[in-house]
Amino acid sequence: MQEQRLFKRYKVRIPFRFMETGKNKEGVGEITDISASGAGMIVTCEKLQLLSRLEMWLEIPNSPEPLQASGRVEWLKNVAPGIFRIGIRFDKVDFMAISRVFKIGSS
């Protein structure tokens, strides 16, 4: 099977918190891989739905402020009660800021 990603993925371990847009659902997690268009992550929360919209705050090492991003859930897999592996497609992200994350992943 041929890889169809447009952007290189970087392996990372970045803690973050999120809120589901329009709902009172919050959670925390860890980003495990990231690219310019999306991220794979492990989250702890109540069940999310496909295409749910998320506002996210990534805790970037050596940065005084979290990196804010938003996106939608493209896929999800329940790995344990209250723990999900999900894939997010970014729809709003500061590419200059996210380049700091790529440096973490390539070191």
C-alpha atoms as a PDB file:
ATOM      1  CA  MET A   1       0.000   0.000   0.000  1.00  0.00           C
ATOM      2  CA  GLN A   2       1.455   3.347  -1.048  1.00  0.00           C
ATOM      3  CA  GLU A   3       1.718   6.232   1.403  1.00  0.00           C
ATOM      4  CA  GLN A   4      -0.607   9.065   0.362  1.00  0.00           C
ATOM      5  CA  ARG A   5       0.432  11.775   2.793  1.00  0.00           C
ATOM      6  CA  LEU A   6       1.294  15.184   1.364  1.00  0.00           C
ATOM      7  CA  PHE A   7       3.502  16.217   4.302  1.00  0.00           C
ATOM      8  CA  LYS A   8       6.198  14.424   6.245  1.00  0.00           C
ATOM      9  CA  ARG A   9       5.110  13.110   9.657  1.00  0.00           C
ATOM     10  CA  TYR A  10       7.319  13.675  12.683  1.00  0.00           C
ATOM     11  CA  LYS A  11       7.280  11.408  15.740  1.00  0.00           C
ATOM     12  CA  VAL A  12       6.810  13.542  18.858  1.00  0.00           C
ATOM     13  CA  ARG A  13       5.515  13.377  22.419  1.00  0.00           C
ATOM     14  CA  ILE A  14       3.669  16.621  23.086  1.00  0.00           C
ATOM     15  CA  PRO A  15       1.055  16.996  25.822  1.00  0.00           C
ATOM     16  CA  PHE A  16      -2.024  19.001  24.958  1.00  0.00           C
ATOM     17  CA  ARG A  17      -5.524  19.801  26.108  1.00  0.00           C
ATOM     18  CA  PHE A  18      -8.607  20.217  23.977  1.00  0.00           C
ATOM     19  CA  MET A  19     -12.240  21.227  23.949  1.00  0.00           C
ATOM     20  CA  GLU A  20     -14.876  19.936  21.542  1.00  0.00           C
ATOM     21  CA  THR A  21     -16.308  22.956  19.729  1.00  0.00           C
ATOM     22  CA  GLY A  22     -19.935  23.695  20.622  1.00  0.00           C
ATOM     23  CA  LYS A  23     -20.034  21.080  23.395  1.00  0.00           C
ATOM     24  CA  ASN A  24     -18.988  21.006  26.996  1.00  0.00           C
ATOM     25  CA  LYS A  25     -16.525  18.174  26.389  1.00  0.00           C
ATOM     26  CA  GLU A  26     -12.883  18.574  27.380  1.00  0.00           C
ATOM     27  CA  GLY A  27      -9.932  16.261  27.517  1.00  0.00           C
ATOM     28  CA  VAL A  28      -6.187  15.885  27.608  1.00  0.00           C
ATOM     29  CA  GLY A  29      -3.799  13.813  25.609  1.00  0.00           C
ATOM     30  CA  GLU A  30      -0.474  13.393  23.932  1.00  0.00           C
ATOM     31  CA  ILE A  31       0.356  14.018  20.294  1.00  0.00           C
ATOM     32  CA  THR A  32       2.377  11.080  18.969  1.00  0.00           C
ATOM     33  CA  ASP A  33       3.001  12.252  15.411  1.00  0.00           C
ATOM     34  CA  ILE A  34       2.419  15.500  13.576  1.00  0.00           C
ATOM     35  CA  SER A  35       2.619  17.043  10.111  1.00  0.00           C
ATOM     36  CA  ALA A  36       1.637  20.356   8.566  1.00  0.00           C
ATOM     37  CA  SER A  37      -1.847  18.992   7.864  1.00  0.00           C
ATOM     38  CA  GLY A  38      -2.699  16.928  10.938  1.00  0.00           C
ATOM     39  CA  ALA A  39      -1.691  14.844  13.912  1.00  0.00           C
ATOM     40  CA  GLY A  40      -2.103  11.446  15.511  1.00  0.00           C
ATOM     41  CA  MET A  41      -2.812  11.461  19.213  1.00  0.00           C
ATOM     42  CA  ILE A  42      -3.926   9.544  22.262  1.00  0.00           C
ATOM     43  CA  VAL A  43      -6.714  11.283  24.203  1.00  0.00           C
ATOM     44  CA  THR A  44      -8.503  10.719  27.476  1.00  0.00           C
ATOM     45  CA  CYS A  45     -12.114  11.863  27.462  1.00  0.00           C
ATOM     46  CA  GLU A  46     -15.688  10.839  26.911  1.00  0.00           C
ATOM     47  CA  LYS A  47     -16.330   9.369  23.469  1.00  0.00           C
ATOM     48  CA  LEU A  48     -15.704  11.668  20.529  1.00  0.00           C
ATOM     49  CA  GLN A  49     -17.505  11.375  17.200  1.00  0.00           C
ATOM     50  CA  LEU A  50     -16.042  11.379  13.708  1.00  0.00           C
ATOM     51  CA  LEU A  51     -15.846  14.911  12.284  1.00  0.00           C
ATOM     52  CA  SER A  52     -16.049  16.459  15.781  1.00  0.00           C
ATOM     53  CA  ARG A  53     -14.347  19.859  15.754  1.00  0.00           C
ATOM     54  CA  LEU A  54     -11.656  20.428  18.377  1.00  0.00           C
ATOM     55  CA  GLU A  55      -9.835  23.470  19.715  1.00  0.00           C
ATOM     56  CA  MET A  56      -6.400  22.366  20.950  1.00  0.00           C
ATOM     57  CA  TRP A  57      -3.597  23.870  23.025  1.00  0.00           C
ATOM     58  CA  LEU A  58      -0.221  22.168  22.544  1.00  0.00           C
ATOM     59  CA  GLU A  59       2.390  22.469  25.281  1.00  0.00           C
ATOM     60  CA  ILE A  60       5.555  23.175  23.291  1.00  0.00           C
ATOM     61  CA  PRO A  61       8.841  22.759  25.219  1.00  0.00           C
ATOM     62  CA  ASN A  62      10.713  26.027  25.863  1.00  0.00           C
ATOM     63  CA  SER A  63       7.687  28.084  24.823  1.00  0.00           C
ATOM     64  CA  PRO A  64       5.954  30.443  27.249  1.00  0.00           C
ATOM     65  CA  GLU A  65       2.563  30.071  25.527  1.00  0.00           C
ATOM     66  CA  PRO A  66       0.788  26.960  24.241  1.00  0.00           C
ATOM     67  CA  LEU A  67       0.370  26.613  20.486  1.00  0.00           C
ATOM     68  CA  GLN A  68      -3.318  26.903  19.581  1.00  0.00           C
ATOM     69  CA  ALA A  69      -4.756  24.852  16.721  1.00  0.00           C
ATOM     70  CA  SER A  70      -8.127  23.603  15.570  1.00  0.00           C
ATOM     71  CA  GLY A  71      -9.224  20.705  13.445  1.00  0.00           C
ATOM     72  CA  ARG A  72     -11.638  17.838  13.048  1.00  0.00           C
ATOM     73  CA  VAL A  73     -11.522  14.171  13.975  1.00  0.00           C
ATOM     74  CA  GLU A  74     -10.843  12.179  10.795  1.00  0.00           C
ATOM     75  CA  TRP A  75     -10.647   8.757  12.439  1.00  0.00           C
ATOM     76  CA  LEU A  76     -10.768   7.244  15.919  1.00  0.00           C
ATOM     77  CA  LYS A  77     -10.181   3.953  17.651  1.00  0.00           C
ATOM     78  CA  ASN A  78     -11.151   3.063  21.218  1.00  0.00           C
ATOM     79  CA  VAL A  79      -8.065   1.521  22.860  1.00  0.00           C
ATOM     80  CA  ALA A  80      -9.392   1.297  26.443  1.00  0.00           C
ATOM     81  CA  PRO A  81     -12.346   2.700  28.418  1.00  0.00           C
ATOM     82  CA  GLY A  82     -12.079   6.498  28.098  1.00  0.00           C
ATOM     83  CA  ILE A  83      -8.902   6.337  25.986  1.00  0.00           C
ATOM     84  CA  PHE A  84      -8.905   6.861  22.216  1.00  0.00           C
ATOM     85  CA  ARG A  85      -6.352   6.961  19.430  1.00  0.00           C
ATOM     86  CA  ILE A  86      -7.487   9.668  16.996  1.00  0.00           C
ATOM     87  CA  GLY A  87      -6.355  11.392  13.843  1.00  0.00           C
ATOM     88  CA  ILE A  88      -6.947  15.131  13.427  1.00  0.00           C
ATOM     89  CA  ARG A  89      -6.889  17.172  10.230  1.00  0.00           C
ATOM     90  CA  PHE A  90      -5.897  20.740  11.045  1.00  0.00           C
ATOM     91  CA  ASP A  91      -8.059  23.514   9.638  1.00  0.00           C
ATOM     92  CA  LYS A  92      -6.414  26.343  11.539  1.00  0.00           C
ATOM     93  CA  VAL A  93      -2.807  26.308  12.639  1.00  0.00           C
ATOM     94  CA  ASP A  94       0.029  28.811  12.726  1.00  0.00           C
ATOM     95  CA  PHE A  95       2.565  27.213  10.366  1.00  0.00           C
ATOM     96  CA  MET A  96       5.427  29.337  11.675  1.00  0.00           C
ATOM     97  CA  ALA A  97       4.653  28.234  15.220  1.00  0.00           C
ATOM     98  CA  ILE A  98       4.172  24.587  14.272  1.00  0.00           C
ATOM     99  CA  SER A  99       7.601  24.575  12.638  1.00  0.00           C
ATOM    100  CA  ARG A 100       8.953  24.618  16.239  1.00  0.00           C
ATOM    101  CA  VAL A 101       7.232  21.253  16.720  1.00  0.00           C
ATOM    102  CA  PHE A 102       8.925  19.826  13.630  1.00  0.00           C
ATOM    103  CA  LYS A 103      12.291  20.738  15.126  1.00  0.00           C
ATOM    104  CA  ILE A 104      11.385  18.712  18.228  1.00  0.00           C
ATOM    105  CA  GLY A 105      10.415  15.735  16.069  1.00  0.00           C
ATOM    106  CA  SER A 106      13.567  15.811  14.008  1.00  0.00           C
ATOM    107  CA  SER A 107      15.968  15.954  16.951  1.00  0.00           C
END
